[in-house]
Protein backbone atom coordinates (compact mmCIF):
# COMPACT_ATOMS: atom_id res chain seq x y z
CA MET A 1 155.19 123.25 43.20
CA ALA A 2 156.82 121.65 46.17
CA ASN A 3 154.48 120.31 48.81
CA ILE A 4 154.41 122.49 51.92
CA MET A 5 154.07 120.55 55.19
CA ARG A 6 151.64 122.24 57.57
CA THR A 7 151.37 121.29 61.21
CA ASN A 8 148.02 121.44 62.93
CA LEU A 9 147.20 124.82 64.37
CA SER A 10 147.05 125.24 68.13
CA ASP A 11 143.55 125.11 69.63
CA TRP A 12 142.89 127.71 72.28
CA SER A 13 139.38 126.36 73.00
CA ALA A 14 140.75 123.72 75.40
CA CYS A 15 143.82 125.53 76.62
CA VAL A 16 142.51 128.25 78.91
CA PRO A 17 144.64 128.09 82.05
CA VAL A 18 143.66 130.20 85.02
CA LEU A 19 146.62 132.14 86.38
CA PRO A 20 146.92 134.34 89.47
CA LYS A 21 147.46 138.06 88.96
CA THR A 22 150.45 138.10 91.27
CA GLY A 23 153.13 135.66 92.41
CA PRO A 24 155.38 133.25 90.46
CA ARG A 25 153.35 133.01 87.26
CA ARG A 26 155.83 130.74 85.48
CA GLN A 27 155.23 128.04 88.09
CA ALA A 28 151.48 128.71 88.01
CA LEU A 29 151.42 128.30 84.19
CA TYR A 30 153.32 125.03 84.44
CA GLY A 31 151.01 123.71 87.16
CA GLU A 32 147.85 124.67 85.30
CA LEU A 33 149.00 123.15 81.97
CA ARG A 34 150.09 119.97 83.76
CA ARG A 35 146.69 119.72 85.49
CA MET A 36 144.91 120.08 82.14
CA ILE A 37 147.09 117.32 80.63
CA GLU A 38 146.67 114.97 83.60
CA THR A 39 142.89 115.32 83.64
CA GLY A 40 142.57 114.83 79.90
CA THR A 41 141.44 118.37 79.08
CA LEU A 42 144.50 118.54 76.79
CA VAL A 43 144.61 115.16 75.04
CA PRO A 44 147.81 113.31 74.00
CA GLY A 45 149.19 114.61 70.71
CA ALA A 46 147.40 117.97 70.95
CA LYS A 47 149.45 120.93 69.84
CA LEU A 48 150.09 123.56 72.51
CA PRO A 49 149.96 127.27 71.71
CA THR A 50 153.26 128.93 70.88
CA THR A 51 155.17 130.59 73.68
CA ARG A 52 154.61 133.94 71.93
CA ASP A 53 150.84 133.35 71.99
CA LEU A 54 150.91 132.35 75.63
CA ALA A 55 152.99 135.34 76.61
CA ARG A 56 150.75 137.76 74.74
CA ARG A 57 147.45 136.20 75.92
CA PHE A 58 148.35 136.08 79.62
CA SER A 59 150.66 139.12 79.80
CA LEU A 60 153.70 136.98 80.60
CA SER A 61 157.27 137.43 79.61
CA ARG A 62 158.16 135.06 76.82
CA GLY A 63 160.91 133.71 79.01
CA ALA A 64 158.36 132.60 81.60
CA ALA A 65 156.35 130.76 78.93
CA VAL A 66 159.48 129.08 77.54
CA ALA A 67 160.51 128.01 81.04
CA ALA A 68 157.06 126.50 81.72
CA TYR A 69 157.22 124.49 78.48
CA ASP A 70 160.78 123.34 79.28
CA MET A 71 159.54 122.03 82.65
CA LEU A 72 156.67 120.16 80.96
CA VAL A 73 159.09 118.55 78.47
CA ALA A 74 161.54 117.65 81.23
CA ASP A 75 158.78 115.96 83.27
CA GLY A 76 157.50 113.98 80.28
CA PHE A 77 154.21 115.82 79.85
CA ALA A 78 155.12 117.51 76.52
CA GLU A 79 157.26 116.92 73.45
CA ALA A 80 159.19 119.60 71.52
CA ARG A 81 159.23 118.87 67.78
CA VAL A 82 161.86 120.75 65.84
CA GLY A 83 160.25 123.16 63.40
CA ALA A 84 156.73 122.10 64.41
CA GLY A 85 156.19 123.33 67.96
CA THR A 86 155.31 121.79 71.31
CA TYR A 87 152.78 118.98 71.73
CA VAL A 88 151.22 117.06 74.57
CA ALA A 89 153.22 113.86 75.02
CA SER A 90 151.72 110.76 73.45
CA ILE A 91 151.81 108.87 76.76
CA VAL A 92 151.11 110.81 79.94
CA PRO A 93 149.73 109.88 83.34
CA VAL A 94 145.98 110.55 83.34
CA ILE A 95 144.28 111.29 86.65
CA GLU A 96 140.71 110.13 86.69
CA THR A 97 138.45 112.89 87.90
CA PRO A 98 136.28 111.35 90.60
CA PRO A 99 132.58 111.59 89.80
CA PRO A 100 130.63 114.00 91.97
CA PRO A 101 128.99 112.33 94.95
CA ARG A 102 125.58 111.04 94.11
CA PRO A 103 122.88 112.66 96.21
CA ASP A 104 120.59 110.49 98.22
CA PRO A 105 117.53 109.48 96.23
CA VAL A 106 114.50 111.70 96.64
CA ARG A 107 112.54 110.42 99.59
CA ARG A 108 109.25 109.02 98.45
CA GLU A 109 106.39 108.85 100.86
CA PRO A 110 105.03 105.32 101.30
CA PRO A 111 101.45 104.74 100.21
CA PRO A 112 98.98 105.72 102.94
CA LEU A 113 97.71 102.94 105.19
CA PRO A 114 94.39 102.74 107.04
CA GLY A 115 94.82 104.62 110.31
CA VAL A 116 97.11 107.27 108.82
CA LEU A 117 96.74 110.91 109.84
CA GLY A 118 96.04 113.81 107.51
CA SER A 119 93.76 112.03 105.05
CA SER A 120 90.31 113.01 103.86
CA THR A 121 87.59 110.68 102.68
CA ALA A 122 86.43 110.92 99.07
CA ASP A 123 82.76 111.81 98.70
CA GLN A 124 81.30 110.97 95.30
CA ARG A 125 78.57 113.59 95.47
CA THR A 126 81.12 116.29 96.31
CA LEU A 127 83.46 115.18 93.52
CA GLN A 128 80.62 115.23 91.01
CA ILE A 129 79.57 118.77 91.96
CA PHE A 130 83.10 120.13 92.09
CA ARG A 131 83.97 118.57 88.74
CA GLY A 132 80.95 120.28 87.19
CA LEU A 133 82.00 123.63 88.64
CA LEU A 134 85.54 123.28 87.34
CA ASN A 135 84.32 122.27 83.90
CA ARG A 136 82.01 125.26 83.72
CA HIS A 137 84.76 127.69 84.67
CA LEU A 138 87.06 126.10 82.11
CA ALA A 139 84.44 126.26 79.37
CA LYS A 140 83.92 129.98 80.00
CA PRO A 141 87.14 131.06 81.68
CA SER A 142 87.25 134.31 83.58
CA ILE A 143 89.69 136.95 82.40
CA ARG A 144 91.30 136.60 85.84
CA HIS A 145 92.88 133.30 84.74
CA PHE A 146 94.97 135.14 82.15
CA HIS A 147 96.28 137.86 84.43
CA TYR A 148 98.13 137.96 87.71
CA ASN A 149 95.85 137.58 90.69
CA GLU A 150 95.77 139.51 93.95
CA PRO A 151 98.31 138.20 96.51
CA ALA A 152 95.48 137.74 99.01
CA GLY A 153 93.43 135.70 96.54
CA GLY A 154 90.20 136.44 94.75
CA GLN A 155 87.67 138.64 96.52
CA ASP A 156 84.77 136.22 95.90
CA LEU A 157 86.47 133.32 97.68
CA ARG A 158 87.72 135.51 100.51
CA ASP A 159 84.21 136.86 101.10
CA GLU A 160 82.73 133.34 101.11
CA ILE A 161 85.36 132.08 103.54
CA ALA A 162 84.75 135.03 105.85
CA ALA A 163 80.99 134.40 105.77
CA TYR A 164 81.52 130.71 106.53
CA LEU A 165 83.91 131.41 109.41
CA ARG A 166 81.59 133.99 110.96
CA ALA A 167 78.67 131.55 110.88
CA ALA A 168 80.42 128.28 111.74
CA ARG A 169 83.37 129.32 113.90
CA GLY A 170 82.42 132.70 115.37
CA VAL A 171 85.43 134.34 113.71
CA GLN A 172 85.14 138.14 113.62
CA CYS A 173 86.40 139.13 110.19
CA THR A 174 85.63 140.44 106.73
CA GLY A 175 86.84 139.13 103.41
CA ASP A 176 89.52 141.82 103.36
CA GLN A 177 91.23 140.16 106.35
CA VAL A 178 91.37 136.75 104.67
CA ILE A 179 94.56 135.72 102.86
CA ILE A 180 94.40 132.58 100.74
CA THR A 181 97.29 130.16 101.38
CA ALA A 182 98.41 126.76 100.13
CA GLY A 183 97.41 125.24 103.46
CA THR A 184 98.01 125.64 107.18
CA GLN A 185 101.76 125.14 106.91
CA HIS A 186 101.98 127.97 104.38
CA GLY A 187 100.04 130.25 106.71
CA ILE A 188 102.35 129.44 109.63
CA ASP A 189 105.37 130.15 107.45
CA LEU A 190 103.97 133.57 106.45
CA VAL A 191 103.50 134.48 110.11
CA ILE A 192 107.01 133.35 111.05
CA ARG A 193 108.70 135.32 108.27
CA THR A 194 106.59 138.42 108.89
CA LEU A 195 106.69 138.69 112.68
CA LEU A 196 109.57 136.67 114.10
CA LYS A 197 113.33 136.54 113.86
CA PRO A 198 115.88 133.87 114.83
CA GLY A 199 116.22 133.55 118.58
CA ASP A 200 112.74 134.85 119.41
CA PRO A 201 111.05 132.76 122.11
CA VAL A 202 107.78 131.10 121.09
CA TRP A 203 105.35 129.01 123.11
CA VAL A 204 104.34 125.68 121.60
CA GLU A 205 102.05 123.10 123.08
CA GLU A 206 103.70 120.14 124.78
CA PRO A 207 103.15 117.79 122.93
CA CYS A 208 102.93 119.70 119.64
CA TYR A 209 101.94 119.24 116.00
CA PRO A 210 105.27 118.09 114.46
CA ALA A 211 105.06 120.03 111.18
CA ALA A 212 104.45 123.33 112.96
CA ARG A 213 107.24 122.66 115.42
CA ALA A 214 109.59 121.86 112.52
CA ALA A 215 108.73 125.19 110.85
CA PHE A 216 109.55 127.13 114.02
CA GLN A 217 112.79 125.24 114.54
CA ALA A 218 113.87 125.74 110.93
CA ALA A 219 113.43 129.50 111.41
CA GLY A 220 115.83 129.43 114.38
CA LEU A 221 113.19 130.31 116.97
CA ARG A 222 113.62 129.34 120.61
CA LEU A 223 110.79 126.97 121.43
CA ILE A 224 109.27 126.81 124.89
CA GLY A 225 107.19 123.70 125.45
CA VAL A 226 104.15 124.64 127.55
CA PRO A 227 102.38 121.65 129.19
CA VAL A 228 98.96 120.53 127.99
CA ASP A 229 96.52 118.88 130.40
CA ALA A 230 92.81 118.09 130.31
CA ASP A 231 92.03 121.84 129.99
CA GLY A 232 94.51 122.46 127.17
CA ILE A 233 97.66 124.56 127.20
CA ASP A 234 98.45 126.13 130.58
CA PRO A 235 99.18 129.89 130.17
CA ALA A 236 100.35 130.18 133.79
CA ALA A 237 103.02 127.56 133.12
CA GLY A 238 103.95 129.38 129.91
CA ILE A 239 104.47 132.62 131.81
CA ARG A 240 106.76 130.83 134.28
CA LEU A 241 108.75 129.13 131.53
CA GLY A 242 108.92 131.99 129.00
CA PRO A 243 107.28 135.25 130.07
CA GLN A 244 108.86 137.24 127.20
CA ALA A 245 107.66 134.99 124.39
CA ARG A 246 106.85 136.80 121.14
CA ALA A 247 104.16 134.36 120.01
CA ALA A 248 102.22 131.25 121.00
CA TYR A 249 101.13 128.45 118.67
CA VAL A 250 97.97 126.67 119.84
CA THR A 251 95.28 124.27 118.61
CA PRO A 252 92.54 125.24 121.08
CA SER A 253 89.45 123.58 119.60
CA HIS A 254 91.01 120.13 119.29
CA GLN A 255 94.57 120.00 120.59
CA PHE A 256 96.93 118.05 118.39
CA PRO A 257 97.73 115.36 119.27
CA LEU A 258 95.94 114.84 122.61
CA GLY A 259 92.52 115.98 121.39
CA VAL A 260 91.58 118.08 124.44
CA THR A 261 89.74 121.42 124.23
CA LEU A 262 91.13 124.65 125.69
CA SER A 263 88.88 125.72 128.55
CA MET A 264 87.31 129.19 128.60
CA PRO A 265 89.30 130.44 131.65
CA ARG A 266 92.53 129.49 129.90
CA ARG A 267 91.40 131.05 126.63
CA LEU A 268 90.85 134.34 128.42
CA ALA A 269 94.17 134.01 130.27
CA LEU A 270 96.02 133.33 127.02
CA ILE A 271 94.53 136.37 125.29
CA ASP A 272 95.23 138.51 128.35
CA TRP A 273 98.88 137.43 128.34
CA ALA A 274 99.23 138.19 124.62
CA GLU A 275 97.75 141.68 125.08
CA ARG A 276 100.01 142.51 128.05
CA GLN A 277 103.11 141.08 126.39
CA GLY A 278 102.41 142.50 122.91
CA ALA A 279 102.63 138.93 121.59
CA TYR A 280 100.54 137.16 118.97
CA ILE A 281 98.64 133.89 119.16
CA ILE A 282 98.65 131.61 116.11
CA GLU A 283 95.38 129.69 116.26
CA ASP A 284 95.48 126.53 114.14
CA ASP A 285 91.85 125.43 113.72
CA TYR A 286 92.73 122.41 111.63
CA ASP A 287 89.65 120.11 111.85
CA SER A 288 87.03 122.16 113.66
CA GLU A 289 84.23 121.17 111.25
CA PHE A 290 84.15 117.63 112.60
CA ARG A 291 82.44 117.80 115.98
CA TYR A 292 80.21 114.87 116.86
CA ALA A 293 78.56 116.09 120.09
CA GLY A 294 76.92 119.49 119.78
CA PRO A 295 77.85 122.45 117.59
CA PRO A 296 81.49 123.34 116.83
CA LEU A 297 83.18 125.41 119.52
CA THR A 298 83.70 129.14 119.01
CA SER A 299 87.18 130.02 117.85
CA LEU A 300 89.74 131.72 120.06
CA GLN A 301 89.85 134.55 117.51
CA GLY A 302 86.14 135.17 118.05
CA ILE A 303 86.68 136.26 121.67
CA ASP A 304 89.80 138.32 120.97
CA GLY A 305 88.94 142.00 120.98
CA GLN A 306 92.52 143.26 120.74
CA GLY A 307 93.71 141.82 117.43
CA ARG A 308 96.24 139.46 119.00
CA VAL A 309 95.03 136.22 117.33
CA ILE A 310 96.08 135.13 113.84
CA TYR A 311 93.67 132.45 112.68
CA VAL A 312 94.79 129.77 110.20
CA GLY A 313 92.70 127.03 108.64
CA THR A 314 92.53 124.76 105.63
CA PHE A 315 90.20 122.84 103.34
CA SER A 316 92.62 119.90 103.30
CA LYS A 317 90.89 117.96 106.09
CA ALA A 318 87.33 118.86 105.08
CA LEU A 319 87.67 118.38 101.30
CA MET A 320 91.04 117.06 100.13
CA PRO A 321 94.73 117.86 100.70
CA GLY A 322 95.25 117.91 96.92
CA LEU A 323 93.13 121.03 96.64
CA ARG A 324 95.97 122.98 98.33
CA ILE A 325 93.78 125.83 99.56
CA GLY A 326 93.91 127.19 103.08
CA TYR A 327 93.39 130.59 104.62
CA LEU A 328 94.75 132.99 107.17
CA VAL A 329 92.66 135.64 108.95
CA ALA A 330 94.95 138.56 109.70
CA PRO A 331 94.44 141.20 112.39
CA TRP A 332 94.09 144.56 110.64
CA ALA A 333 97.42 145.78 112.04
CA LEU A 334 99.27 142.87 110.37
CA ARG A 335 97.36 142.52 107.13
CA ASP A 336 99.61 144.61 104.86
CA ALA A 337 102.84 143.14 106.24
CA LEU A 338 101.55 139.57 105.78
CA LEU A 339 100.45 140.42 102.24
CA ASP A 340 103.91 141.76 101.43
CA THR A 341 105.41 138.47 102.58
CA ARG A 342 102.80 136.51 100.63
CA ARG A 343 103.60 138.51 97.49
CA LEU A 344 107.32 137.74 97.76
CA ALA A 345 106.95 134.06 98.61
CA ASP A 346 104.23 133.08 96.14
CA ARG A 347 102.82 135.88 94.06
CA PHE A 348 99.19 134.76 94.03
CA PRO A 349 97.05 131.65 94.54
CA PRO A 350 95.52 129.64 91.65
CA THR A 351 92.41 131.29 90.26
CA LEU A 352 90.65 128.32 88.66
CA ALA A 353 90.15 126.32 91.86
CA GLU A 354 89.32 129.54 93.72
CA GLU A 355 86.29 130.33 91.59
CA ALA A 356 84.95 126.79 91.77
CA LEU A 357 85.43 126.67 95.55
CA ALA A 358 83.79 130.07 96.05
CA GLU A 359 80.71 128.82 94.20
CA PHE A 360 80.83 125.53 96.14
CA LEU A 361 80.67 127.48 99.41
CA ARG A 362 78.12 130.03 98.25
CA ASP A 363 75.60 127.45 97.00
CA GLY A 364 75.62 125.42 100.23
CA HIS A 365 77.48 122.40 98.85
CA PHE A 366 80.22 122.63 101.48
CA ALA A 367 77.75 122.51 104.38
CA ALA A 368 76.02 119.50 102.83
CA HIS A 369 79.40 117.81 102.30
CA ILE A 370 80.33 118.28 105.97
CA LYS A 371 77.05 116.69 107.11
CA ARG A 372 77.68 113.63 104.94
CA ALA A 373 81.29 113.41 106.08
CA ARG A 374 80.36 113.61 109.77
CA ARG A 375 78.05 110.61 109.46
CA ARG A 376 80.74 108.48 107.82
CA LEU A 377 83.43 109.61 110.24
CA ARG A 378 81.30 108.97 113.32
CA LEU A 379 80.75 105.40 112.11
CA ALA A 380 84.47 104.92 111.44
CA ARG A 381 85.37 106.37 114.86
CA ASP A 382 82.96 104.10 116.72
CA MET A 383 84.08 100.96 114.89
CA LEU A 384 87.73 101.78 115.51
CA VAL A 385 87.18 102.49 119.22
CA SER A 386 85.37 99.17 119.59
CA VAL A 387 88.14 97.16 117.91
CA LEU A 388 90.94 98.87 119.84
CA SER A 389 89.16 98.51 123.18
CA ASP A 390 88.48 94.83 122.56
CA GLY A 391 92.16 94.42 121.70
CA GLY A 392 93.34 95.71 125.08
CA LEU A 393 94.28 99.33 124.31
CA GLU A 394 93.06 102.21 126.48
CA VAL A 395 90.84 104.36 124.27
CA SER A 396 88.34 107.15 124.88
CA THR A 397 85.89 108.25 122.19
CA PRO A 398 86.83 111.71 120.84
CA GLU A 399 84.03 114.23 120.46
CA GLN A 400 85.80 116.09 117.65
CA GLY A 401 88.40 115.66 114.95
CA LEU A 402 89.73 112.94 112.70
CA HIS A 403 91.97 111.01 115.08
CA LEU A 404 92.05 109.42 118.52
CA VAL A 405 94.76 108.64 121.04
CA ALA A 406 95.14 105.07 122.26
CA GLY A 407 97.03 104.55 125.50
CA LEU A 408 99.37 101.59 125.81
CA PRO A 409 98.31 98.59 127.84
CA PRO A 410 99.55 98.40 131.45
CA LYS A 411 103.25 97.64 131.64
CA ARG A 412 102.60 94.20 133.09
CA PHE A 413 101.99 93.01 129.52
CA ASP A 414 105.50 93.89 128.38
CA PRO A 415 107.94 95.95 130.48
CA GLY A 416 109.84 96.97 127.34
CA LEU A 417 106.80 98.13 125.38
CA SER A 418 107.25 101.45 123.49
CA ASP A 419 104.95 103.40 121.21
CA LEU A 420 107.69 103.71 118.58
CA ALA A 421 108.10 99.94 118.39
CA LEU A 422 104.35 99.43 118.27
CA ALA A 423 103.93 101.99 115.47
CA ALA A 424 106.64 100.30 113.41
CA ASP A 425 105.06 96.91 114.01
CA ALA A 426 101.62 98.25 113.03
CA ALA A 427 103.01 99.66 109.77
CA ARG A 428 104.49 96.28 108.87
CA SER A 429 101.05 94.72 109.27
CA GLY A 430 99.35 97.44 107.18
CA PHE A 431 98.04 99.74 109.92
CA GLY A 432 99.32 103.36 109.69
CA VAL A 433 99.48 104.67 113.25
CA ARG A 434 101.83 107.33 114.72
CA ALA A 435 103.74 107.23 118.01
CA LEU A 436 102.87 109.95 120.53
CA SER A 437 106.18 110.25 122.38
CA PRO A 438 108.21 111.94 119.55
CA MET A 439 105.71 114.81 119.55
CA TYR A 440 107.02 116.08 122.87
CA LEU A 441 109.68 118.78 122.75
CA GLY A 442 111.25 117.56 125.99
CA THR A 443 111.02 114.30 127.88
CA PRO A 444 107.80 112.53 126.84
CA ALA A 445 105.18 112.73 129.56
CA ARG A 446 103.36 109.72 128.17
CA GLN A 447 103.39 107.17 125.39
CA GLY A 448 100.54 106.27 123.11
CA LEU A 449 99.38 105.76 119.55
CA ILE A 450 97.68 108.40 117.40
CA ILE A 451 95.28 106.78 114.96
CA GLY A 452 93.26 108.43 112.22
CA PHE A 453 89.79 107.32 111.19
CA SER A 454 89.47 109.25 107.93
CA GLY A 455 90.63 108.62 104.38
CA PHE A 456 89.45 104.99 104.21
CA PRO A 457 86.10 103.20 104.59
CA ALA A 458 85.20 102.42 108.19
CA GLU A 459 85.39 98.65 107.60
CA GLU A 460 88.88 98.93 106.11
CA ILE A 461 90.25 100.92 109.05
CA ALA A 462 88.68 98.58 111.60
CA GLY A 463 89.92 95.55 109.66
CA ALA A 464 93.50 96.84 109.58
CA ALA A 465 93.38 97.48 113.33
CA ARG A 466 91.97 94.00 113.99
CA ARG A 467 94.64 92.24 111.91
CA TRP A 468 97.40 94.11 113.76
CA LEU A 469 95.95 93.41 117.18
CA GLU A 470 95.74 89.70 116.40
CA THR A 471 99.55 89.61 116.25
CA ASN A 472 100.15 91.48 119.54
CA PRO A 473 99.91 90.07 123.08
CA PHE A 474 97.79 92.80 124.64
């Protein structure tokens, strides 16, 4: 039997040109096949489908397919072999497809330095107790861990948080008003997405907590910076600057970053404005547990009889940020709407840590932890104030919170002195302070350094401050 020469069959897997439904399709077929050859999708020597196949597959006239192939051959991109068909030319110009742009590397936070904000101090007794609680709940896991939880969080933890807030902060609530969050920022986000829309005017303190301000700005809200003085935010100034505001964000117990407390006349004026305007007040009570002179101040929510205050708090400062448990106390009128938003954003909080934390609160371990933490923090505060004062900075001893504000030395030391430059210099020497001026929405009213005294042993914080001050001409 005579040998029968067979050419390789055409491969449609690579040759899938995309053609428009209308217009000059012959030219479109030529352009698409040429692009596939130039980019290497169709490799040199590959057999092209027959013109009959092309015409049938793409609903072309066979004449259009023949014309497209003739153009490819004429331009050197294809070869017609008598009796065998049409092939990609053996040598064709290949256009290198540029690689996609590489994204910037994921920003990694530098390791925390003594003096940094937002840190909590490890307590060995607390860790030991909490570890035992977690182990017990893992050894005999509740059925709740294997089913979807309530969007508001477990009832036991919500009841314990409500009881704690009533006793320690004067908050008027029940467990049914508490919504468990992943922290203060999560609570603020729930409020924004439930109540506000882009363009709504919102009061913020001037200066303001940067993370909260960033959340409002990202939502497209119109921020109105309301001045803060020794008595806290000034509602009268807010009414002049933005009388139609839909909400106000405040830190009344310990203003961030200045550390002042909102006076009672201004608390009443703020609530009165919210009631008349139909606005809501977002009360961020971020470190209220840590008061060093007298009992903690009553919350703003505790004197609100009209349901205008939304109270947000967290266990991040008191226990550890890694726990990722905070809470929101919703006015009854907003509870269901906030829960709907919570359900859509993050279906339910983690149950394992909830049960351990509920027991930690119920058995009095949290109260004991706070007492131990206050003693350590008071020592760290006093040591830091002493070192900074001796180094020439203007410092007053805060009565509450986990940070202080240090004023810059008089300008006679250095006319070009800035808090941003000082903060960068401190970081280079291993001292993690923050500049005050960027926390203003408008023109900074003052400069200064915000310095934390939590998260590290007192001696380590004071030592870092001392080493930095030794290199500066204050």
